[in-house]
Amino acid sequence: MIDIRELEIPSSVGASGWDDFASALAIHYGNGALTYGTDELAFSAEEALPNYLDQDNQPTRLFAARDETRMVGAARYETEPGDDPHTAWMMVDVLPGARGAGVGSALSAKLQGVAATDGIRKAIVYAVSGYASGPRLAPPT
């Protein structure tokens, strides 16, 4: 059984909610590193925290998926304040060993429900995908 819950954004390093926040970011940045083949785009939880605390700039909510023993997935939901209040960015990450068990679908459904409640009319889904085998198109530029 998968349990999905919204995570608390900690007020500082080590504050309430810190361990879950750090675990969720480790899943996100770990998946990025696996897909991109480098961790150059990864931030530590300490480095990322100020962006999450700046809720006036781009309000962000985090959600976690847990199985019976551990966090197996994380999702991020960001809204666009000001000029585009009806748009949200959605990102879902699942640990490689937990894929194919409905974790990503459950997190996605949660984000879609939050978006519907918020009156979001446009969702932008950021989904990192790695290179597949086979021929590739050469870009013209």
C-alpha atoms as a PDB file:
ATOM      1  CA  MET A   1       0.000   0.000   0.000  1.00  0.00           C
ATOM      2  CA  ILE A   2       1.238   3.486  -0.900  1.00  0.00           C
ATOM      3  CA  ASP A   3       0.627   6.386   1.480  1.00  0.00           C
ATOM      4  CA  ILE A   4       0.814   9.895  -0.018  1.00  0.00           C
ATOM      5  CA  ARG A   5       1.192  12.911   2.246  1.00  0.00           C
ATOM      6  CA  GLU A   6       2.123  16.530   1.901  1.00  0.00           C
ATOM      7  CA  LEU A   7       5.456  17.369   3.479  1.00  0.00           C
ATOM      8  CA  GLU A   8       6.193  20.242   5.766  1.00  0.00           C
ATOM      9  CA  ILE A   9       8.801  22.679   4.428  1.00  0.00           C
ATOM     10  CA  PRO A  10      11.246  23.040   7.330  1.00  0.00           C
ATOM     11  CA  SER A  11      11.914  26.548   8.589  1.00  0.00           C
ATOM     12  CA  SER A  12      15.651  25.846   8.798  1.00  0.00           C
ATOM     13  CA  VAL A  13      18.196  23.061   8.489  1.00  0.00           C
ATOM     14  CA  GLY A  14      17.388  20.407  11.087  1.00  0.00           C
ATOM     15  CA  ALA A  15      13.973  21.903  11.976  1.00  0.00           C
ATOM     16  CA  SER A  16      10.734  19.955  12.046  1.00  0.00           C
ATOM     17  CA  GLY A  17      10.202  18.167   8.716  1.00  0.00           C
ATOM     18  CA  TRP A  18      13.881  18.314   7.750  1.00  0.00           C
ATOM     19  CA  ASP A  19      14.487  14.570   7.313  1.00  0.00           C
ATOM     20  CA  ASP A  20      11.502  14.095   5.001  1.00  0.00           C
ATOM     21  CA  PHE A  21      12.398  17.262   3.047  1.00  0.00           C
ATOM     22  CA  ALA A  22      15.960  16.020   2.548  1.00  0.00           C
ATOM     23  CA  SER A  23      14.745  12.536   1.542  1.00  0.00           C
ATOM     24  CA  ALA A  24      12.318  13.951  -1.035  1.00  0.00           C
ATOM     25  CA  LEU A  25      15.016  16.112  -2.581  1.00  0.00           C
ATOM     26  CA  ALA A  26      17.439  13.168  -2.618  1.00  0.00           C
ATOM     27  CA  ILE A  27      14.898  11.195  -4.664  1.00  0.00           C
ATOM     28  CA  HIS A  28      14.368  14.100  -7.071  1.00  0.00           C
ATOM     29  CA  TYR A  29      18.023  14.953  -7.607  1.00  0.00           C
ATOM     30  CA  GLY A  30      19.052  11.286  -7.577  1.00  0.00           C
ATOM     31  CA  ASN A  31      16.661  10.551 -10.426  1.00  0.00           C
ATOM     32  CA  GLY A  32      17.988  13.539 -12.321  1.00  0.00           C
ATOM     33  CA  ALA A  33      21.562  12.328 -11.896  1.00  0.00           C
ATOM     34  CA  LEU A  34      20.623   8.844 -13.143  1.00  0.00           C
ATOM     35  CA  THR A  35      18.837  10.269 -16.157  1.00  0.00           C
ATOM     36  CA  TYR A  36      21.331  12.964 -17.091  1.00  0.00           C
ATOM     37  CA  GLY A  37      24.370  10.894 -16.199  1.00  0.00           C
ATOM     38  CA  THR A  38      25.726  13.645 -13.935  1.00  0.00           C
ATOM     39  CA  ASP A  39      24.901  15.191 -10.589  1.00  0.00           C
ATOM     40  CA  GLU A  40      25.977  18.677 -11.718  1.00  0.00           C
ATOM     41  CA  LEU A  41      22.350  19.835 -11.599  1.00  0.00           C
ATOM     42  CA  ALA A  42      21.740  18.479  -8.102  1.00  0.00           C
ATOM     43  CA  PHE A  43      21.486  20.640  -5.015  1.00  0.00           C
ATOM     44  CA  SER A  44      21.849  19.543  -1.432  1.00  0.00           C
ATOM     45  CA  ALA A  45      18.818  20.018   0.785  1.00  0.00           C
ATOM     46  CA  GLU A  46      20.707  22.816   2.549  1.00  0.00           C
ATOM     47  CA  GLU A  47      21.281  24.603  -0.763  1.00  0.00           C
ATOM     48  CA  ALA A  48      17.690  24.122  -1.953  1.00  0.00           C
ATOM     49  CA  LEU A  49      15.925  25.156   1.256  1.00  0.00           C
ATOM     50  CA  PRO A  50      16.044  28.955   0.677  1.00  0.00           C
ATOM     51  CA  ASN A  51      14.135  28.552  -2.602  1.00  0.00           C
ATOM     52  CA  TYR A  52      11.417  26.554  -0.853  1.00  0.00           C
ATOM     53  CA  LEU A  53      11.170  29.138   1.908  1.00  0.00           C
ATOM     54  CA  ASP A  54      10.681  31.947  -0.638  1.00  0.00           C
ATOM     55  CA  GLN A  55       6.971  31.218  -1.066  1.00  0.00           C
ATOM     56  CA  ASP A  56       6.288  34.711  -2.465  1.00  0.00           C
ATOM     57  CA  ASN A  57       8.439  34.053  -5.527  1.00  0.00           C
ATOM     58  CA  GLN A  58       7.116  30.630  -6.561  1.00  0.00           C
ATOM     59  CA  PRO A  59       4.957  28.834  -4.001  1.00  0.00           C
ATOM     60  CA  THR A  60       6.048  25.203  -3.824  1.00  0.00           C
ATOM     61  CA  ARG A  61       4.507  22.198  -2.121  1.00  0.00           C
ATOM     62  CA  LEU A  62       6.151  18.797  -1.679  1.00  0.00           C
ATOM     63  CA  PHE A  63       4.462  15.411  -1.408  1.00  0.00           C
ATOM     64  CA  ALA A  64       5.932  12.045  -0.505  1.00  0.00           C
ATOM     65  CA  ALA A  65       4.892   8.494  -1.301  1.00  0.00           C
ATOM     66  CA  ARG A  66       5.791   5.834   1.234  1.00  0.00           C
ATOM     67  CA  ASP A  67       5.436   2.107   1.195  1.00  0.00           C
ATOM     68  CA  GLU A  68       5.444   0.147   4.439  1.00  0.00           C
ATOM     69  CA  THR A  69       9.120   0.880   5.125  1.00  0.00           C
ATOM     70  CA  ARG A  70      10.414   4.005   3.370  1.00  0.00           C
ATOM     71  CA  MET A  71       9.864   6.980   1.080  1.00  0.00           C
ATOM     72  CA  VAL A  72       9.711   5.643  -2.485  1.00  0.00           C
ATOM     73  CA  GLY A  73       8.603   8.730  -4.394  1.00  0.00           C
ATOM     74  CA  ALA A  74       8.297  12.473  -4.195  1.00  0.00           C
ATOM     75  CA  ALA A  75       6.365  15.115  -6.082  1.00  0.00           C
ATOM     76  CA  ARG A  76       6.694  18.860  -6.399  1.00  0.00           C
ATOM     77  CA  TYR A  77       3.861  21.295  -7.156  1.00  0.00           C
ATOM     78  CA  GLU A  78       4.704  24.909  -7.969  1.00  0.00           C
ATOM     79  CA  THR A  79       2.306  27.682  -8.835  1.00  0.00           C
ATOM     80  CA  GLU A  80       2.942  30.840 -10.809  1.00  0.00           C
ATOM     81  CA  PRO A  81       2.068  33.899  -8.738  1.00  0.00           C
ATOM     82  CA  GLY A  82       1.233  37.236 -10.293  1.00  0.00           C
ATOM     83  CA  ASP A  83       1.021  37.144 -14.075  1.00  0.00           C
ATOM     84  CA  ASP A  84      -0.139  33.540 -14.446  1.00  0.00           C
ATOM     85  CA  PRO A  85      -2.065  32.387 -11.344  1.00  0.00           C
ATOM     86  CA  HIS A  86      -3.827  29.566 -13.225  1.00  0.00           C
ATOM     87  CA  THR A  87      -0.642  27.666 -14.125  1.00  0.00           C
ATOM     88  CA  ALA A  88       1.189  25.026 -12.110  1.00  0.00           C
ATOM     89  CA  TRP A  89       4.378  23.058 -12.639  1.00  0.00           C
ATOM     90  CA  MET A  90       4.280  19.401 -11.591  1.00  0.00           C
ATOM     91  CA  MET A  91       7.184  17.002 -11.114  1.00  0.00           C
ATOM     92  CA  VAL A  92       7.012  13.376  -9.972  1.00  0.00           C
ATOM     93  CA  ASP A  93       9.988  11.177  -9.094  1.00  0.00           C
ATOM     94  CA  VAL A  94       9.985   7.516  -8.097  1.00  0.00           C
ATOM     95  CA  LEU A  95      12.929   5.470  -6.889  1.00  0.00           C
ATOM     96  CA  PRO A  96      14.069   3.055  -9.616  1.00  0.00           C
ATOM     97  CA  GLY A  97      13.289  -0.029  -7.502  1.00  0.00           C
ATOM     98  CA  ALA A  98       9.731   1.167  -6.828  1.00  0.00           C
ATOM     99  CA  ARG A  99       8.725   1.895 -10.426  1.00  0.00           C
ATOM    100  CA  GLY A 100       5.877  -0.007 -12.031  1.00  0.00           C
ATOM    101  CA  ALA A 101       3.952  -0.347  -8.761  1.00  0.00           C
ATOM    102  CA  GLY A 102       1.622   2.644  -9.179  1.00  0.00           C
ATOM    103  CA  VAL A 103       3.683   5.109  -7.107  1.00  0.00           C
ATOM    104  CA  GLY A 104       4.082   7.635  -9.924  1.00  0.00           C
ATOM    105  CA  SER A 105       0.418   7.337 -10.877  1.00  0.00           C
ATOM    106  CA  ALA A 106      -0.663   7.904  -7.271  1.00  0.00           C
ATOM    107  CA  LEU A 107       1.567  10.972  -6.912  1.00  0.00           C
ATOM    108  CA  SER A 108       0.356  12.333 -10.246  1.00  0.00           C
ATOM    109  CA  ALA A 109      -3.282  11.858  -9.240  1.00  0.00           C
ATOM    110  CA  LYS A 110      -2.589  13.708  -5.984  1.00  0.00           C
ATOM    111  CA  LEU A 111      -1.060  16.666  -7.843  1.00  0.00           C
ATOM    112  CA  GLN A 112      -3.953  16.748 -10.298  1.00  0.00           C
ATOM    113  CA  GLY A 113      -6.399  16.868  -7.395  1.00  0.00           C
ATOM    114  CA  VAL A 114      -4.494  19.734  -5.777  1.00  0.00           C
ATOM    115  CA  ALA A 115      -4.468  21.585  -9.112  1.00  0.00           C
ATOM    116  CA  ALA A 116      -8.215  21.121  -9.536  1.00  0.00           C
ATOM    117  CA  THR A 117      -8.822  22.460  -6.029  1.00  0.00           C
ATOM    118  CA  ASP A 118      -6.589  25.462  -6.794  1.00  0.00           C
ATOM    119  CA  GLY A 119      -8.444  26.250 -10.020  1.00  0.00           C
ATOM    120  CA  ILE A 120      -5.399  25.539 -12.165  1.00  0.00           C
ATOM    121  CA  ARG A 121      -6.223  25.532 -15.875  1.00  0.00           C
ATOM    122  CA  LYS A 122      -2.751  24.808 -17.270  1.00  0.00           C
ATOM    123  CA  ALA A 123      -0.355  22.225 -15.867  1.00  0.00           C
ATOM    124  CA  ILE A 124       3.212  21.997 -17.082  1.00  0.00           C
ATOM    125  CA  VAL A 125       4.712  18.610 -16.336  1.00  0.00           C
ATOM    126  CA  TYR A 126       8.475  18.430 -16.098  1.00  0.00           C
ATOM    127  CA  ALA A 127       9.487  14.867 -16.879  1.00  0.00           C
ATOM    128  CA  VAL A 128      13.148  14.068 -17.345  1.00  0.00           C
ATOM    129  CA  SER A 129      13.785  11.224 -19.745  1.00  0.00           C
ATOM    130  CA  GLY A 130      17.059   9.591 -20.603  1.00  0.00           C
ATOM    131  CA  TYR A 131      18.418   8.531 -23.941  1.00  0.00           C
ATOM    132  CA  ALA A 132      16.899   5.427 -25.439  1.00  0.00           C
ATOM    133  CA  SER A 133      18.687   3.059 -27.727  1.00  0.00           C
ATOM    134  CA  GLY A 134      18.222   3.392 -31.459  1.00  0.00           C
ATOM    135  CA  PRO A 135      18.572   6.144 -34.020  1.00  0.00           C
ATOM    136  CA  ARG A 136      18.285   9.791 -33.072  1.00  0.00           C
ATOM    137  CA  LEU A 137      17.225  12.786 -35.076  1.00  0.00           C
ATOM    138  CA  ALA A 138      19.958  15.346 -35.581  1.00  0.00           C
ATOM    139  CA  PRO A 139      18.806  18.838 -34.561  1.00  0.00           C
ATOM    140  CA  PRO A 140      18.898  21.355 -37.395  1.00  0.00           C
ATOM    141  CA  THR A 141      20.498  24.027 -35.200  1.00  0.00           C
END
